[in-house]
C-alpha cells in the first residue's frame, strides 16, 4: 500500500467519522 493510498484511506475514515458525529 502506497503512502498516498494510506492518506486517502485516513481521510475517508476521518470524513466518515465526522459525518457520524454530525448526522449520527
PDB file of N, CA and C in Angstrom:
ATOM      1  N   UNK A   1       0.851  -1.200   0.000  1.00  0.00           N
ATOM      2  CA  UNK A   1       0.000   0.000   0.000  1.00  0.00           C
ATOM      3  C   UNK A   1       0.879   1.239   0.000  1.00  0.00           C
ATOM      4  N   UNK A   2       0.627   2.107  -0.956  1.00  0.00           N
ATOM      5  CA  UNK A   2       1.423   3.338  -1.030  1.00  0.00           C
ATOM      6  C   UNK A   2       0.979   4.316   0.035  1.00  0.00           C
ATOM      7  N   UNK A   3       1.877   5.255   0.342  1.00  0.00           N
ATOM      8  CA  UNK A   3       1.561   6.260   1.358  1.00  0.00           C
ATOM      9  C   UNK A   3       0.349   7.087   0.940  1.00  0.00           C
ATOM     10  N   UNK A   4       0.229   7.371  -0.353  1.00  0.00           N
ATOM     11  CA  UNK A   4      -0.897   8.188  -0.823  1.00  0.00           C
ATOM     12  C   UNK A   4      -2.214   7.453  -0.582  1.00  0.00           C
ATOM     13  N   UNK A   5      -2.191   6.135  -0.772  1.00  0.00           N
ATOM     14  CA  UNK A   5      -3.408   5.355  -0.530  1.00  0.00           C
ATOM     15  C   UNK A   5      -3.740   5.348   0.952  1.00  0.00           C
ATOM     16  N   UNK A   6      -2.709   5.283   1.796  1.00  0.00           N
ATOM     17  CA  UNK A   6      -2.933   5.325   3.241  1.00  0.00           C
ATOM     18  C   UNK A   6      -3.546   6.658   3.623  1.00  0.00           C
ATOM     19  N   UNK A   7      -3.055   7.730   3.017  1.00  0.00           N
ATOM     20  CA  UNK A   7      -3.560   9.069   3.323  1.00  0.00           C
ATOM     21  C   UNK A   7      -5.018   9.170   2.887  1.00  0.00           C
ATOM     22  N   UNK A   8      -5.324   8.675   1.696  1.00  0.00           N
ATOM     23  CA  UNK A   8      -6.703   8.731   1.190  1.00  0.00           C
ATOM     24  C   UNK A   8      -7.633   7.943   2.108  1.00  0.00           C
ATOM     25  N   UNK A   9      -7.165   6.780   2.564  1.00  0.00           N
ATOM     26  CA  UNK A   9      -7.976   5.955   3.450  1.00  0.00           C
ATOM     27  C   UNK A   9      -8.200   6.665   4.774  1.00  0.00           C
ATOM     28  N   UNK A  10      -7.144   7.287   5.305  1.00  0.00           N
ATOM     29  CA  UNK A  10      -7.254   8.010   6.574  1.00  0.00           C
ATOM     30  C   UNK A  10      -8.256   9.149   6.443  1.00  0.00           C
ATOM     31  N   UNK A  11      -8.219   9.848   5.308  1.00  0.00           N
ATOM     32  CA  UNK A  11      -9.148  10.962   5.073  1.00  0.00           C
ATOM     33  C   UNK A  11     -10.582  10.429   4.985  1.00  0.00           C
ATOM     34  N   UNK A  12     -10.756   9.306   4.310  1.00  0.00           N
ATOM     35  CA  UNK A  12     -12.092   8.715   4.179  1.00  0.00           C
ATOM     36  C   UNK A  12     -12.641   8.343   5.544  1.00  0.00           C
ATOM     37  N   UNK A  13     -11.803   7.711   6.363  1.00  0.00           N
ATOM     38  CA  UNK A  13     -12.232   7.319   7.710  1.00  0.00           C
ATOM     39  C   UNK A  13     -12.556   8.552   8.534  1.00  0.00           C
ATOM     40  N   UNK A  14     -11.702   9.575   8.410  1.00  0.00           N
ATOM     41  CA  UNK A  14     -11.908  10.801   9.178  1.00  0.00           C
ATOM     42  C   UNK A  14     -13.217  11.469   8.771  1.00  0.00           C
ATOM     43  N   UNK A  15     -13.462  11.552   7.465  1.00  0.00           N
ATOM     44  CA  UNK A  15     -14.678  12.205   6.979  1.00  0.00           C
ATOM     45  C   UNK A  15     -15.918  11.409   7.381  1.00  0.00           C
ATOM     46  N   UNK A  16     -15.846  10.077   7.299  1.00  0.00           N
ATOM     47  CA  UNK A  16     -16.996   9.264   7.691  1.00  0.00           C
ATOM     48  C   UNK A  16     -17.251   9.434   9.180  1.00  0.00           C
ATOM     49  N   UNK A  17     -16.193   9.580   9.966  1.00  0.00           N
ATOM     50  CA  UNK A  17     -16.338   9.803  11.404  1.00  0.00           C
ATOM     51  C   UNK A  17     -16.986  11.144  11.672  1.00  0.00           C
ATOM     52  N   UNK A  18     -16.610  12.158  10.895  1.00  0.00           N
ATOM     53  CA  UNK A  18     -17.200  13.485  11.063  1.00  0.00           C
ATOM     54  C   UNK A  18     -18.675  13.455  10.688  1.00  0.00           C
ATOM     55  N   UNK A  19     -19.000  12.732   9.624  1.00  0.00           N
ATOM     56  CA  UNK A  19     -20.399  12.625   9.198  1.00  0.00           C
ATOM     57  C   UNK A  19     -21.220  11.954  10.290  1.00  0.00           C
ATOM     58  N   UNK A  20     -20.654  10.925  10.921  1.00  0.00           N
ATOM     59  CA  UNK A  20     -21.368  10.250  12.007  1.00  0.00           C
ATOM     60  C   UNK A  20     -21.551  11.206  13.170  1.00  0.00           C
ATOM     61  N   UNK A  21     -20.556  12.026  13.423  1.00  0.00           N
ATOM     62  CA  UNK A  21     -20.636  12.980  14.535  1.00  0.00           C
ATOM     63  C   UNK A  21     -21.736  14.006  14.264  1.00  0.00           C
ATOM     64  N   UNK A  22     -21.848  14.415  12.994  1.00  0.00           N
ATOM     65  CA  UNK A  22     -22.846  15.430  12.636  1.00  0.00           C
ATOM     66  C   UNK A  22     -24.244  14.828  12.527  1.00  0.00           C
ATOM     67  N   UNK A  23     -24.342  13.684  11.812  1.00  0.00           N
ATOM     68  CA  UNK A  23     -25.658  13.145  11.474  1.00  0.00           C
ATOM     69  C   UNK A  23     -26.062  11.951  12.338  1.00  0.00           C
ATOM     70  N   UNK A  24     -25.072  11.351  13.037  1.00  0.00           N
ATOM     71  CA  UNK A  24     -25.342  10.149  13.816  1.00  0.00           C
ATOM     72  C   UNK A  24     -26.201  10.458  15.013  1.00  0.00           C
TER      73      UNK A  24
END
